[in-house]
Amino acid sequence: MSNLDLRIELPAYSHSFNIHVSGTSNVRQVKEEISKTCPGQPRIDGQRLIWRGRNLANEEKVEDLWKSSTDSRILHLAVHPSAWEGQPPEVPTPETPAQDDLSSLPMSPPATSYFPPTPSRMLFPLEIPSIAPRAASYQPIPFIALKHQNAIQALMTGAAPPYEANDELRDAAKTSIERVGWIWPAVLDEAYPPSQPGGLSYEPTVIGGQRYLSLVGNNATATPVQIHALSILSYTFSLLNLSVSSSTITRPSAPITVTSPEVNQLLQQLGLPQLRVAPNQNPNQNQNDIRPQLREIPLRPLLMPVLLLVFRTVLLLYFVAPARKPIFGVLILAWMLYEMWQPIRNGLLRVRVQRIDLNNLNPDRQQPNINNPAPPGAVNNNVAQGRAGAAPLAGNEQGPLGLGARQLDAQAGVVLDTLANLNLQEEQIIIDQSHLVPAPEPGIGHKLVTFLGLLFATLHPAVWDRRRAALRRREGPIRMEANMARDPPARGPDEEETEEDRRTAETRQQLRERQARRPLWIRRYIARALAEEWVDDLD
């Protein structure tokens, strides 16, 4: 491959230069050529080449950066302050940017001006007020200067000036003022009111070597012409600071960036620990993604058990006097603390399990290997895989905290399901086969044992909720069969019986016969299930 011309930009010193390298060269060879060409001969280990916002490694090939011959081959160079072997390039002094000439603005008012040049300068300060000295090329905008002189003359004489500038001067001045970001004053377009006798009187005076107008007498009242002239002067004094050249658009100059000293060197001089930068400028990942946060714990399921616990504790303290029997007070206190810890622990475990599930769905959030950094683009590939729903890697296992929480929840769920499903499977078999094989009614002992077992087991809210959900699942088909066995609404006199109506009637008759063959105690249970309403407050 032929040689390539690369343009190297050194923004810290506002310096740029060109180098010639082979198309098969790598980044390290480019740095060697920069060390030979750049003023100051920066060392290779202190150089850093940046292309499209990415730090280039020494092993990367130049031919892999630009695929098309039309792409601009520009690299940005950053040099460590300690890597200069000679004098680095000097930072150029910013110059005043070139300004466009305002061709549409006349440089002087027409020759038919109302006031002669010499007397008009004697009526107000010869130099336009300004704190800073003006450049030799300063020239006020003609329309603004004319309005200013006419307003001074009207203020002194009390008569409106007979001449006003034409529309060409006015449009050019308005364009010039709006170009610098100012708003055109509407008072400059208003005409003078009719002249009236009387008014204020002014006389020229010299103060500090400057000529001013001084008010004579304090009893007079300003005429409308003088009030209008003062309104114009309140704007023209500021607008006179604009020059014909300064009112044009100026191109903003690029700011000169001066390389600041190394941050770690400053921290070392101050005795502070140095900053650790991750490889390839990757941000530091969160070291602990499963740490619980108190603000994520739901308060509603936490407050309700605590309130019920306080109520039960107060009830126990009412019947048991802890002052007489301290042992009961200690037992009640221990039981209360245990019951209070359970909802808090459940909330913490719920948050941890949710965080573990979120990390498994997003494997790209795991901490990268600092010793073996990923090549450029690997981070983007991981993010793309995470968004596409890729499964976690084989080596990405859950931590011991999440695994213990899941095992504990699974064991507790098995125990709660066993207590909640007491005798449900046997009873379901009896209900399903009761129309085929008559089943004897359970005895008093079986009913008593079942009642006591469910009475103590359902004291736990989770067992009660699971038992209630299981009974709803069992009673669903029973209610559906009962609804199908009911008589349909009466048909109208004009309606005829269809084939579907006959099939429905046959099914209804079969269900009624099936219900009649069941034992009496099962039919009483079905009647009780149909008579009671379902409770719709399941969690």
Protein backbone atom coordinates (compact mmCIF):
# COMPACT_ATOMS: atom_id res chain seq x y z
CA MET A 1 0.00 0.00 0.00
CA SER A 2 1.19 3.55 -0.75
CA ASN A 3 2.09 6.10 1.86
CA LEU A 4 -0.62 7.99 3.72
CA ASP A 5 -0.68 11.66 4.64
CA LEU A 6 -1.97 12.09 8.18
CA ARG A 7 -2.86 15.39 9.77
CA ILE A 8 -2.00 15.56 13.47
CA GLU A 9 -3.92 18.07 15.60
CA LEU A 10 -2.41 19.21 18.91
CA PRO A 11 -5.33 21.15 20.47
CA ALA A 12 -3.49 21.94 23.72
CA TYR A 13 -1.04 24.16 21.82
CA SER A 14 -3.24 25.10 18.82
CA HIS A 15 -0.70 23.42 16.57
CA SER A 16 -1.15 21.04 13.65
CA PHE A 17 1.24 19.36 11.24
CA ASN A 18 1.33 16.61 8.62
CA ILE A 19 3.26 13.34 8.63
CA HIS A 20 3.83 10.64 6.01
CA VAL A 21 3.56 6.98 7.05
CA SER A 22 3.12 3.69 5.28
CA GLY A 23 -0.36 2.24 4.92
CA THR A 24 0.69 -0.87 6.84
CA SER A 25 2.06 1.07 9.81
CA ASN A 26 0.65 0.68 13.29
CA VAL A 27 -0.05 3.35 15.86
CA ARG A 28 3.36 2.97 17.51
CA GLN A 29 5.12 3.72 14.22
CA VAL A 30 2.90 6.78 13.82
CA LYS A 31 4.01 7.96 17.27
CA GLU A 32 7.65 7.49 16.25
CA GLU A 33 7.07 9.67 13.19
CA ILE A 34 5.34 12.27 15.36
CA SER A 35 8.32 12.29 17.72
CA LYS A 36 10.56 13.15 14.75
CA THR A 37 8.29 15.75 13.14
CA CYS A 38 6.54 17.56 16.00
CA PRO A 39 8.41 20.49 17.64
CA GLY A 40 9.60 19.50 21.08
CA GLN A 41 10.07 15.80 20.09
CA PRO A 42 7.57 14.24 22.53
CA ARG A 43 8.48 10.76 23.73
CA ILE A 44 6.45 7.81 22.48
CA ASP A 45 5.35 6.67 25.93
CA GLY A 46 3.96 10.14 26.69
CA GLN A 47 1.85 10.39 23.53
CA ARG A 48 -1.80 9.49 23.23
CA LEU A 49 -3.55 9.42 19.85
CA ILE A 50 -7.31 9.87 19.78
CA TRP A 51 -9.47 9.00 16.80
CA ARG A 52 -13.20 9.71 16.91
CA GLY A 53 -13.16 9.98 20.69
CA ARG A 54 -11.34 6.65 21.22
CA ASN A 55 -7.82 6.15 22.52
CA LEU A 56 -5.84 4.13 19.98
CA ALA A 57 -3.71 1.21 21.12
CA ASN A 58 -0.16 0.79 19.83
CA GLU A 59 -1.00 -2.47 18.03
CA GLU A 60 -3.83 -1.06 15.89
CA LYS A 61 -3.21 -0.69 12.17
CA VAL A 62 -3.64 2.60 10.36
CA GLU A 63 -5.30 0.89 7.41
CA ASP A 64 -8.12 -0.31 9.69
CA LEU A 65 -9.11 3.22 10.70
CA TRP A 66 -10.12 4.68 7.34
CA LYS A 67 -11.98 2.35 5.01
CA SER A 68 -12.72 4.94 2.34
CA SER A 69 -10.18 7.06 0.52
CA THR A 70 -12.43 10.12 0.86
CA ASP A 71 -12.36 10.12 4.68
CA SER A 72 -10.33 12.88 6.31
CA ARG A 73 -7.27 11.34 7.95
CA ILE A 74 -7.00 13.41 11.13
CA LEU A 75 -5.67 12.24 14.50
CA HIS A 76 -5.74 14.24 17.72
CA LEU A 77 -2.59 14.18 19.83
CA ALA A 78 -2.35 14.58 23.60
CA VAL A 79 1.12 14.79 25.18
CA HIS A 80 1.95 14.40 28.84
CA PRO A 81 3.69 17.53 30.21
CA SER A 82 6.71 15.47 31.29
CA ALA A 83 7.10 13.81 27.85
CA TRP A 84 8.52 16.84 26.03
CA GLU A 85 12.23 16.46 25.30
CA GLY A 86 12.51 19.96 23.87
CA GLN A 87 10.57 23.20 23.89
CA PRO A 88 6.89 22.49 23.09
CA PRO A 89 5.11 24.59 20.47
CA GLU A 90 4.19 28.06 21.62
CA VAL A 91 0.54 28.85 22.14
CA PRO A 92 -0.35 31.57 19.60
CA THR A 93 -1.83 34.80 20.88
CA PRO A 94 -5.50 35.05 19.90
CA GLU A 95 -6.04 37.69 17.29
CA THR A 96 -9.14 39.70 16.60
CA PRO A 97 -11.21 37.72 14.11
CA ALA A 98 -11.71 39.19 10.71
CA GLN A 99 -14.91 41.11 10.30
CA ASP A 100 -17.06 41.43 7.25
CA ASP A 101 -17.53 44.85 5.77
CA LEU A 102 -21.00 46.28 5.99
CA SER A 103 -21.48 47.20 2.36
CA SER A 104 -25.14 48.02 2.75
CA LEU A 105 -24.51 50.73 5.38
CA PRO A 106 -23.69 54.23 4.07
CA MET A 107 -20.59 55.62 5.70
CA SER A 108 -21.93 59.16 6.05
CA PRO A 109 -25.31 60.89 6.08
CA PRO A 110 -26.48 62.79 2.98
CA ALA A 111 -25.13 66.25 2.30
CA THR A 112 -28.55 67.83 2.96
CA SER A 113 -28.15 67.50 6.74
CA TYR A 114 -30.04 70.06 8.78
CA PHE A 115 -27.21 71.04 11.12
CA PRO A 116 -23.84 72.38 9.97
CA PRO A 117 -20.94 70.25 11.19
CA THR A 118 -19.11 72.78 13.35
CA PRO A 119 -21.97 74.21 15.44
CA SER A 120 -23.49 70.80 16.04
CA ARG A 121 -20.31 69.55 17.74
CA MET A 122 -20.31 72.57 20.04
CA LEU A 123 -23.72 71.72 21.45
CA PHE A 124 -22.80 68.41 23.08
CA PRO A 125 -19.61 66.50 24.00
CA LEU A 126 -17.15 66.43 21.16
CA GLU A 127 -16.15 62.84 22.02
CA ILE A 128 -18.84 60.25 22.41
CA PRO A 129 -18.85 59.10 26.06
CA SER A 130 -16.86 55.96 26.54
CA ILE A 131 -14.66 54.56 29.28
CA ALA A 132 -12.23 52.66 27.05
CA PRO A 133 -10.22 54.48 24.34
CA ARG A 134 -11.66 54.00 20.88
CA ALA A 135 -9.88 52.53 17.93
CA ALA A 136 -8.79 54.77 15.11
CA SER A 137 -11.30 53.09 12.77
CA TYR A 138 -14.27 53.91 14.98
CA GLN A 139 -17.19 55.47 13.12
CA PRO A 140 -20.71 55.63 14.58
CA ILE A 141 -23.73 54.43 12.66
CA PRO A 142 -24.90 57.42 10.57
CA PHE A 143 -28.61 57.06 11.34
CA ILE A 144 -27.98 56.84 15.10
CA ALA A 145 -25.60 59.82 15.00
CA LEU A 146 -28.16 61.88 13.08
CA LYS A 147 -30.99 60.98 15.49
CA HIS A 148 -28.71 61.87 18.40
CA GLN A 149 -27.81 65.30 17.02
CA ASN A 150 -31.42 66.08 16.12
CA ALA A 151 -32.56 65.09 19.63
CA ILE A 152 -29.97 67.43 21.21
CA GLN A 153 -31.08 70.27 18.96
CA ALA A 154 -34.74 69.61 19.80
CA LEU A 155 -33.90 69.50 23.52
CA MET A 156 -32.22 72.93 23.34
CA THR A 157 -34.64 74.75 21.04
CA GLY A 158 -37.90 72.97 21.88
CA ALA A 159 -38.73 72.67 18.16
CA ALA A 160 -38.96 69.49 16.13
CA PRO A 161 -36.19 69.09 13.53
CA PRO A 162 -37.42 69.65 9.97
CA TYR A 163 -35.34 66.81 8.53
CA GLU A 164 -35.31 63.10 9.35
CA ALA A 165 -33.16 60.39 7.81
CA ASN A 166 -34.48 58.43 4.87
CA ASP A 167 -35.62 54.80 5.00
CA GLU A 168 -32.35 53.51 3.55
CA LEU A 169 -30.32 54.78 6.50
CA ARG A 170 -32.95 53.54 8.94
CA ASP A 171 -33.05 50.00 7.49
CA ALA A 172 -29.26 49.74 7.42
CA ALA A 173 -29.01 50.87 11.06
CA LYS A 174 -31.72 48.45 12.17
CA THR A 175 -29.95 45.56 10.45
CA SER A 176 -26.64 46.51 12.07
CA ILE A 177 -28.13 46.72 15.58
CA GLU A 178 -30.05 43.44 15.29
CA ARG A 179 -26.91 41.65 14.09
CA VAL A 180 -25.22 42.21 17.45
CA GLY A 181 -28.26 40.81 19.29
CA TRP A 182 -29.93 44.09 20.33
CA ILE A 183 -33.59 45.01 19.84
CA TRP A 184 -34.42 47.96 17.65
CA PRO A 185 -35.97 50.77 19.81
CA ALA A 186 -39.43 51.68 18.60
CA VAL A 187 -39.02 55.27 19.77
CA LEU A 188 -36.56 55.91 16.93
CA ASP A 189 -39.39 55.38 14.43
CA GLU A 190 -41.85 57.72 16.15
CA ALA A 191 -42.34 61.25 14.85
CA TYR A 192 -41.89 64.38 16.97
CA PRO A 193 -45.07 65.91 18.41
CA PRO A 194 -46.09 69.45 17.45
CA SER A 195 -44.00 72.27 18.88
CA GLN A 196 -45.28 74.30 21.84
CA PRO A 197 -43.95 77.49 23.42
CA GLY A 198 -42.00 77.42 26.65
CA GLY A 199 -40.16 74.42 27.94
CA LEU A 200 -36.80 73.79 29.53
CA SER A 201 -33.69 75.83 28.79
CA TYR A 202 -30.18 74.40 28.44
CA GLU A 203 -26.82 76.07 28.05
CA PRO A 204 -23.43 74.58 27.10
CA THR A 205 -20.91 74.06 29.89
CA VAL A 206 -17.46 72.47 30.29
CA ILE A 207 -16.87 69.93 33.07
CA GLY A 208 -13.54 68.11 33.34
CA GLY A 209 -12.53 69.16 29.87
CA GLN A 210 -15.73 67.78 28.36
CA ARG A 211 -18.65 69.78 27.02
CA TYR A 212 -22.11 69.14 28.44
CA LEU A 213 -25.56 70.71 28.48
CA SER A 214 -26.60 72.29 31.77
CA LEU A 215 -30.23 72.92 32.77
CA VAL A 216 -31.09 76.58 33.40
CA GLY A 217 -33.81 77.01 36.03
CA ASN A 218 -35.86 74.36 37.79
CA ASN A 219 -39.37 75.79 37.52
CA ALA A 220 -40.09 75.18 33.84
CA THR A 221 -41.88 72.14 32.43
CA ALA A 222 -40.61 70.15 29.49
CA THR A 223 -42.61 70.31 26.27
CA PRO A 224 -43.72 67.13 24.43
CA VAL A 225 -40.93 67.71 21.91
CA GLN A 226 -38.30 67.80 24.66
CA ILE A 227 -39.78 64.70 26.36
CA HIS A 228 -39.61 62.85 23.06
CA ALA A 229 -36.02 64.04 22.54
CA LEU A 230 -35.02 62.76 25.99
CA SER A 231 -36.55 59.37 25.15
CA ILE A 232 -34.45 59.21 21.99
CA LEU A 233 -31.28 60.22 23.85
CA SER A 234 -31.84 57.44 26.42
CA TYR A 235 -31.22 54.95 23.59
CA THR A 236 -28.76 56.78 21.35
CA PHE A 237 -26.15 57.20 24.10
CA SER A 238 -25.80 53.40 24.22
CA LEU A 239 -26.15 52.87 20.48
CA LEU A 240 -23.37 55.37 19.72
CA ASN A 241 -20.88 52.88 21.20
CA LEU A 242 -21.50 50.67 18.17
CA SER A 243 -19.22 51.25 15.23
CA VAL A 244 -19.92 50.51 11.61
CA SER A 245 -17.31 47.74 11.69
CA SER A 246 -18.32 46.31 15.09
CA SER A 247 -21.98 46.03 14.14
CA THR A 248 -21.30 43.27 11.66
CA ILE A 249 -21.38 39.57 12.38
CA THR A 250 -18.14 38.22 13.85
CA ARG A 251 -17.17 34.61 13.55
CA PRO A 252 -16.63 32.98 16.95
CA SER A 253 -13.05 31.88 17.48
CA ALA A 254 -12.28 28.46 18.83
CA PRO A 255 -11.23 28.55 22.50
CA ILE A 256 -7.61 27.79 23.21
CA THR A 257 -7.36 24.81 25.50
CA VAL A 258 -4.32 24.83 27.76
CA THR A 259 -3.35 21.44 29.06
CA SER A 260 -3.67 21.37 32.83
CA PRO A 261 -1.03 19.60 34.92
CA GLU A 262 -1.45 15.90 35.60
CA VAL A 263 -4.16 15.40 38.21
CA ASN A 264 -2.36 12.54 39.93
CA GLN A 265 0.81 14.65 40.21
CA LEU A 266 -1.12 17.40 41.96
CA LEU A 267 -2.76 14.88 44.28
CA GLN A 268 0.63 13.37 45.07
CA GLN A 269 2.03 16.81 45.93
CA LEU A 270 -0.93 17.43 48.23
CA GLY A 271 -0.47 14.06 49.93
CA LEU A 272 -3.79 12.68 48.66
CA PRO A 273 -4.41 9.23 47.13
CA GLN A 274 -4.20 9.06 43.37
CA LEU A 275 -7.15 8.43 41.08
CA ARG A 276 -7.48 5.01 39.46
CA VAL A 277 -8.58 5.13 35.84
CA ALA A 278 -10.15 1.99 34.43
CA PRO A 279 -8.70 0.53 31.20
CA ASN A 280 -9.98 2.11 27.97
CA GLN A 281 -11.64 4.87 30.00
CA ASN A 282 -14.50 2.60 31.10
CA PRO A 283 -16.46 3.92 34.10
CA ASN A 284 -16.18 2.01 37.33
CA GLN A 285 -19.04 -0.45 37.74
CA ASN A 286 -20.99 -0.85 40.93
CA GLN A 287 -19.09 -3.27 43.12
CA ASN A 288 -22.20 -4.51 44.92
CA ASP A 289 -25.38 -4.65 42.86
CA ILE A 290 -27.40 -6.62 45.43
CA ARG A 291 -26.99 -4.35 48.43
CA PRO A 292 -30.50 -3.66 49.77
CA GLN A 293 -31.76 -0.14 49.98
CA LEU A 294 -34.28 0.83 52.63
CA ARG A 295 -36.24 3.07 50.28
CA GLU A 296 -37.12 0.07 48.07
CA ILE A 297 -38.85 -1.87 50.88
CA PRO A 298 -42.65 -1.66 50.45
CA LEU A 299 -44.19 -0.04 53.52
CA ARG A 300 -47.77 -1.29 53.19
CA PRO A 301 -47.07 -5.02 53.72
CA LEU A 302 -44.60 -4.04 56.46
CA LEU A 303 -46.84 -1.76 58.52
CA MET A 304 -49.94 -3.98 58.57
CA PRO A 305 -48.26 -6.98 60.30
CA VAL A 306 -46.57 -4.60 62.76
CA LEU A 307 -49.89 -2.98 63.67
CA LEU A 308 -51.56 -6.36 64.15
CA LEU A 309 -48.62 -7.50 66.26
CA VAL A 310 -48.93 -4.44 68.50
CA PHE A 311 -52.63 -5.15 68.91
CA ARG A 312 -52.03 -8.78 69.86
CA THR A 313 -49.25 -7.77 72.27
CA VAL A 314 -51.48 -5.23 74.02
CA LEU A 315 -54.20 -7.86 74.28
CA LEU A 316 -51.81 -10.35 75.88
CA LEU A 317 -50.47 -7.75 78.29
CA TYR A 318 -54.04 -6.99 79.33
CA PHE A 319 -54.69 -10.58 80.42
CA VAL A 320 -51.16 -11.39 81.67
CA ALA A 321 -49.61 -9.09 84.23
CA PRO A 322 -45.84 -8.93 83.53
CA ALA A 323 -45.20 -7.27 86.90
CA ARG A 324 -46.49 -10.30 88.81
CA LYS A 325 -45.04 -12.93 86.49
CA PRO A 326 -41.87 -11.58 84.82
CA ILE A 327 -41.33 -14.82 82.91
CA PHE A 328 -44.46 -14.18 80.87
CA GLY A 329 -43.29 -10.63 80.15
CA VAL A 330 -39.95 -11.92 78.86
CA LEU A 331 -41.70 -14.50 76.66
CA ILE A 332 -44.10 -11.92 75.25
CA LEU A 333 -41.19 -9.53 74.52
CA ALA A 334 -39.19 -12.25 72.75
CA TRP A 335 -42.23 -13.31 70.73
CA MET A 336 -42.95 -9.70 69.77
CA LEU A 337 -39.37 -9.09 68.61
CA TYR A 338 -39.43 -12.28 66.55
CA GLU A 339 -42.71 -11.35 64.90
CA MET A 340 -41.45 -7.85 64.12
CA TRP A 341 -38.29 -9.21 62.51
CA GLN A 342 -40.20 -11.51 60.14
CA PRO A 343 -41.86 -8.82 57.93
CA ILE A 344 -38.64 -6.79 57.86
CA ARG A 345 -36.64 -9.85 56.84
CA ASN A 346 -39.17 -10.77 54.17
CA GLY A 347 -38.92 -7.28 52.69
CA LEU A 348 -35.13 -7.41 52.61
CA LEU A 349 -35.09 -10.84 50.99
CA ARG A 350 -37.66 -9.76 48.41
CA VAL A 351 -35.50 -6.81 47.36
CA ARG A 352 -32.37 -8.98 47.16
CA VAL A 353 -34.07 -11.61 45.04
CA GLN A 354 -35.36 -8.92 42.66
CA ARG A 355 -31.86 -7.47 42.30
CA ILE A 356 -30.41 -10.92 41.58
CA ASP A 357 -33.02 -11.53 38.89
CA LEU A 358 -32.25 -8.14 37.34
CA ASN A 359 -28.51 -8.90 37.26
CA ASN A 360 -29.14 -12.27 35.61
CA LEU A 361 -31.17 -10.57 32.89
CA ASN A 362 -28.37 -7.98 32.33
CA PRO A 363 -25.02 -9.80 32.39
CA ASP A 364 -23.26 -6.78 30.90
CA ARG A 365 -23.55 -4.97 34.23
CA GLN A 366 -21.03 -7.29 35.88
CA GLN A 367 -17.61 -5.87 36.84
CA PRO A 368 -15.13 -6.18 33.96
CA ASN A 369 -11.76 -7.84 34.42
CA ILE A 370 -9.27 -5.07 35.12
CA ASN A 371 -6.16 -7.23 34.62
CA ASN A 372 -7.36 -8.41 31.19
CA PRO A 373 -9.27 -5.51 29.66
CA ALA A 374 -11.65 -6.20 26.83
CA PRO A 375 -10.63 -5.07 23.32
CA PRO A 376 -12.27 -2.00 21.80
CA GLY A 377 -15.89 -2.72 20.97
CA ALA A 378 -16.28 -5.60 23.42
CA VAL A 379 -18.24 -3.46 25.83
CA ASN A 380 -20.67 -2.50 23.09
CA ASN A 381 -21.07 -6.15 22.12
CA ASN A 382 -21.92 -7.09 25.68
CA VAL A 383 -24.49 -4.33 25.87
CA ALA A 384 -26.05 -5.49 22.63
CA GLN A 385 -26.24 -9.07 23.90
CA GLY A 386 -27.85 -7.91 27.13
CA ARG A 387 -30.49 -5.93 25.21
CA ALA A 388 -31.18 -8.87 22.95
CA GLY A 389 -32.06 -11.01 25.97
CA ALA A 390 -28.99 -13.24 25.96
CA ALA A 391 -28.72 -15.75 28.79
CA PRO A 392 -26.08 -15.28 31.51
CA LEU A 393 -22.70 -16.84 30.98
CA ALA A 394 -21.99 -20.29 32.35
CA GLY A 395 -19.55 -18.95 34.90
CA ASN A 396 -21.92 -16.23 36.12
CA GLU A 397 -23.33 -17.86 39.23
CA GLN A 398 -25.42 -16.32 41.95
CA GLY A 399 -23.83 -15.23 45.17
CA PRO A 400 -24.26 -17.15 48.41
CA LEU A 401 -26.66 -14.52 49.71
CA GLY A 402 -29.13 -14.88 46.84
CA LEU A 403 -28.80 -18.67 46.79
CA GLY A 404 -29.51 -18.94 50.52
CA ALA A 405 -32.54 -16.67 50.20
CA ARG A 406 -33.97 -18.79 47.38
CA GLN A 407 -33.39 -22.07 49.23
CA LEU A 408 -35.03 -20.70 52.37
CA ASP A 409 -38.05 -19.45 50.42
CA ALA A 410 -38.38 -22.80 48.64
CA GLN A 411 -38.26 -24.79 51.89
CA ALA A 412 -40.76 -22.49 53.57
CA GLY A 413 -43.06 -22.76 50.54
CA VAL A 414 -43.05 -26.56 50.70
CA VAL A 415 -44.00 -26.54 54.38
CA LEU A 416 -46.77 -23.98 53.86
CA ASP A 417 -48.19 -25.87 50.86
CA THR A 418 -48.25 -29.11 52.85
CA LEU A 419 -50.20 -27.50 55.69
CA ALA A 420 -52.56 -25.66 53.33
CA ASN A 421 -53.37 -28.74 51.19
CA LEU A 422 -54.29 -30.95 54.16
CA ASN A 423 -56.76 -33.69 52.96
CA LEU A 424 -57.54 -31.74 49.77
CA GLN A 425 -56.30 -34.41 47.35
CA GLU A 426 -58.25 -37.23 49.03
CA GLU A 427 -61.39 -35.11 49.21
CA GLN A 428 -61.08 -34.18 45.52
CA ILE A 429 -60.89 -37.86 44.54
CA ILE A 430 -64.01 -38.59 46.59
CA ILE A 431 -65.94 -35.73 44.94
CA ASP A 432 -64.90 -36.76 41.41
CA GLN A 433 -65.83 -40.48 41.90
CA SER A 434 -68.83 -40.05 44.19
CA HIS A 435 -71.33 -40.66 41.37
CA LEU A 436 -69.63 -43.95 40.47
CA VAL A 437 -68.59 -45.43 43.81
CA PRO A 438 -70.54 -44.45 46.96
CA ALA A 439 -68.13 -43.05 49.54
CA PRO A 440 -68.82 -43.30 53.27
CA GLU A 441 -69.07 -40.10 55.26
CA PRO A 442 -65.95 -39.35 57.41
CA GLY A 443 -66.31 -40.08 61.09
CA ILE A 444 -66.38 -37.72 64.03
CA GLY A 445 -62.73 -38.39 64.88
CA HIS A 446 -61.54 -37.57 61.36
CA LYS A 447 -63.56 -34.36 61.33
CA LEU A 448 -62.27 -33.32 64.76
CA VAL A 449 -58.62 -33.95 63.87
CA THR A 450 -58.98 -32.10 60.56
CA PHE A 451 -60.71 -29.18 62.24
CA LEU A 452 -58.08 -28.79 64.94
CA GLY A 453 -55.23 -29.18 62.45
CA LEU A 454 -56.62 -26.52 60.15
CA LEU A 455 -57.48 -24.27 63.10
CA PHE A 456 -53.87 -24.09 64.25
CA ALA A 457 -52.30 -24.24 60.77
CA THR A 458 -54.34 -21.37 59.33
CA LEU A 459 -53.24 -19.08 62.13
CA HIS A 460 -50.32 -18.36 59.83
CA PRO A 461 -51.51 -15.86 57.18
CA ALA A 462 -49.66 -17.60 54.34
CA VAL A 463 -51.30 -20.96 55.15
CA TRP A 464 -54.71 -19.31 55.32
CA ASP A 465 -54.25 -17.62 51.93
CA ARG A 466 -53.03 -20.81 50.25
CA ARG A 467 -55.85 -22.87 51.76
CA ARG A 468 -58.41 -20.35 50.61
CA ALA A 469 -56.97 -20.30 47.06
CA ALA A 470 -57.01 -24.13 46.93
CA LEU A 471 -60.67 -24.23 48.02
CA ARG A 472 -61.55 -21.73 45.32
CA ARG A 473 -59.89 -23.92 42.70
CA ARG A 474 -61.88 -26.94 43.95
CA GLU A 475 -65.20 -25.14 44.11
CA GLY A 476 -64.85 -23.64 40.63
CA PRO A 477 -65.87 -26.80 38.69
CA ILE A 478 -68.63 -27.46 41.25
CA ARG A 479 -70.17 -24.05 40.64
CA MET A 480 -69.85 -24.48 36.88
CA GLU A 481 -71.70 -27.84 36.97
CA ALA A 482 -74.42 -26.35 39.16
CA ASN A 483 -74.93 -23.46 36.75
CA MET A 484 -75.16 -25.84 33.78
CA ALA A 485 -77.72 -28.02 35.62
CA ARG A 486 -80.10 -25.13 36.19
CA ASP A 487 -83.14 -24.66 33.97
CA PRO A 488 -82.60 -22.18 31.13
CA PRO A 489 -84.78 -19.08 30.82
CA ALA A 490 -88.14 -19.62 29.16
CA ARG A 491 -88.19 -19.23 25.39
CA GLY A 492 -90.54 -16.88 23.65
CA PRO A 493 -93.60 -18.18 21.80
CA ASP A 494 -91.97 -17.46 18.45
CA GLU A 495 -88.64 -19.17 19.23
CA GLU A 496 -88.06 -22.73 18.04
CA GLU A 497 -85.90 -25.35 19.69
CA THR A 498 -82.58 -25.78 17.90
CA GLU A 499 -80.11 -28.64 17.81
CA GLU A 500 -77.84 -26.81 20.27
CA ASP A 501 -80.74 -26.42 22.70
CA ARG A 502 -81.39 -30.16 22.54
CA ARG A 503 -77.73 -30.99 23.22
CA THR A 504 -77.70 -28.56 26.13
CA ALA A 505 -80.83 -30.19 27.54
CA GLU A 506 -79.22 -33.65 27.32
CA THR A 507 -76.09 -32.41 29.10
CA ARG A 508 -78.24 -30.78 31.77
CA GLN A 509 -80.12 -34.04 32.35
CA GLN A 510 -76.85 -36.00 32.65
CA LEU A 511 -75.53 -33.55 35.24
CA ARG A 512 -78.73 -33.82 37.26
CA GLU A 513 -78.56 -37.63 37.21
CA ARG A 514 -74.90 -37.47 38.22
CA GLN A 515 -75.78 -35.17 41.11
CA ALA A 516 -78.59 -37.50 42.23
CA ARG A 517 -76.24 -40.52 42.40
CA ARG A 518 -73.88 -38.75 44.84
CA PRO A 519 -74.16 -39.45 48.57
CA LEU A 520 -76.27 -37.15 50.70
CA TRP A 521 -73.35 -35.71 52.67
CA ILE A 522 -71.55 -34.67 49.44
CA ARG A 523 -74.71 -33.01 48.14
CA ARG A 524 -75.00 -31.07 51.38
CA TYR A 525 -71.37 -29.92 50.96
CA ILE A 526 -72.10 -28.79 47.38
CA ALA A 527 -75.16 -26.87 48.59
CA ARG A 528 -73.07 -25.11 51.23
CA ALA A 529 -70.39 -24.24 48.64
CA LEU A 530 -73.03 -22.77 46.31
CA ALA A 531 -74.72 -20.80 49.08
CA GLU A 532 -71.53 -19.04 50.25
CA GLU A 533 -69.88 -16.19 48.36
CA TRP A 534 -66.22 -16.13 47.45
CA VAL A 535 -63.93 -13.76 49.29
CA ASP A 536 -62.15 -11.57 46.72
CA ASP A 537 -59.33 -10.28 48.91
CA LEU A 538 -56.64 -12.82 47.99
CA ASP A 539 -53.12 -11.38 47.74
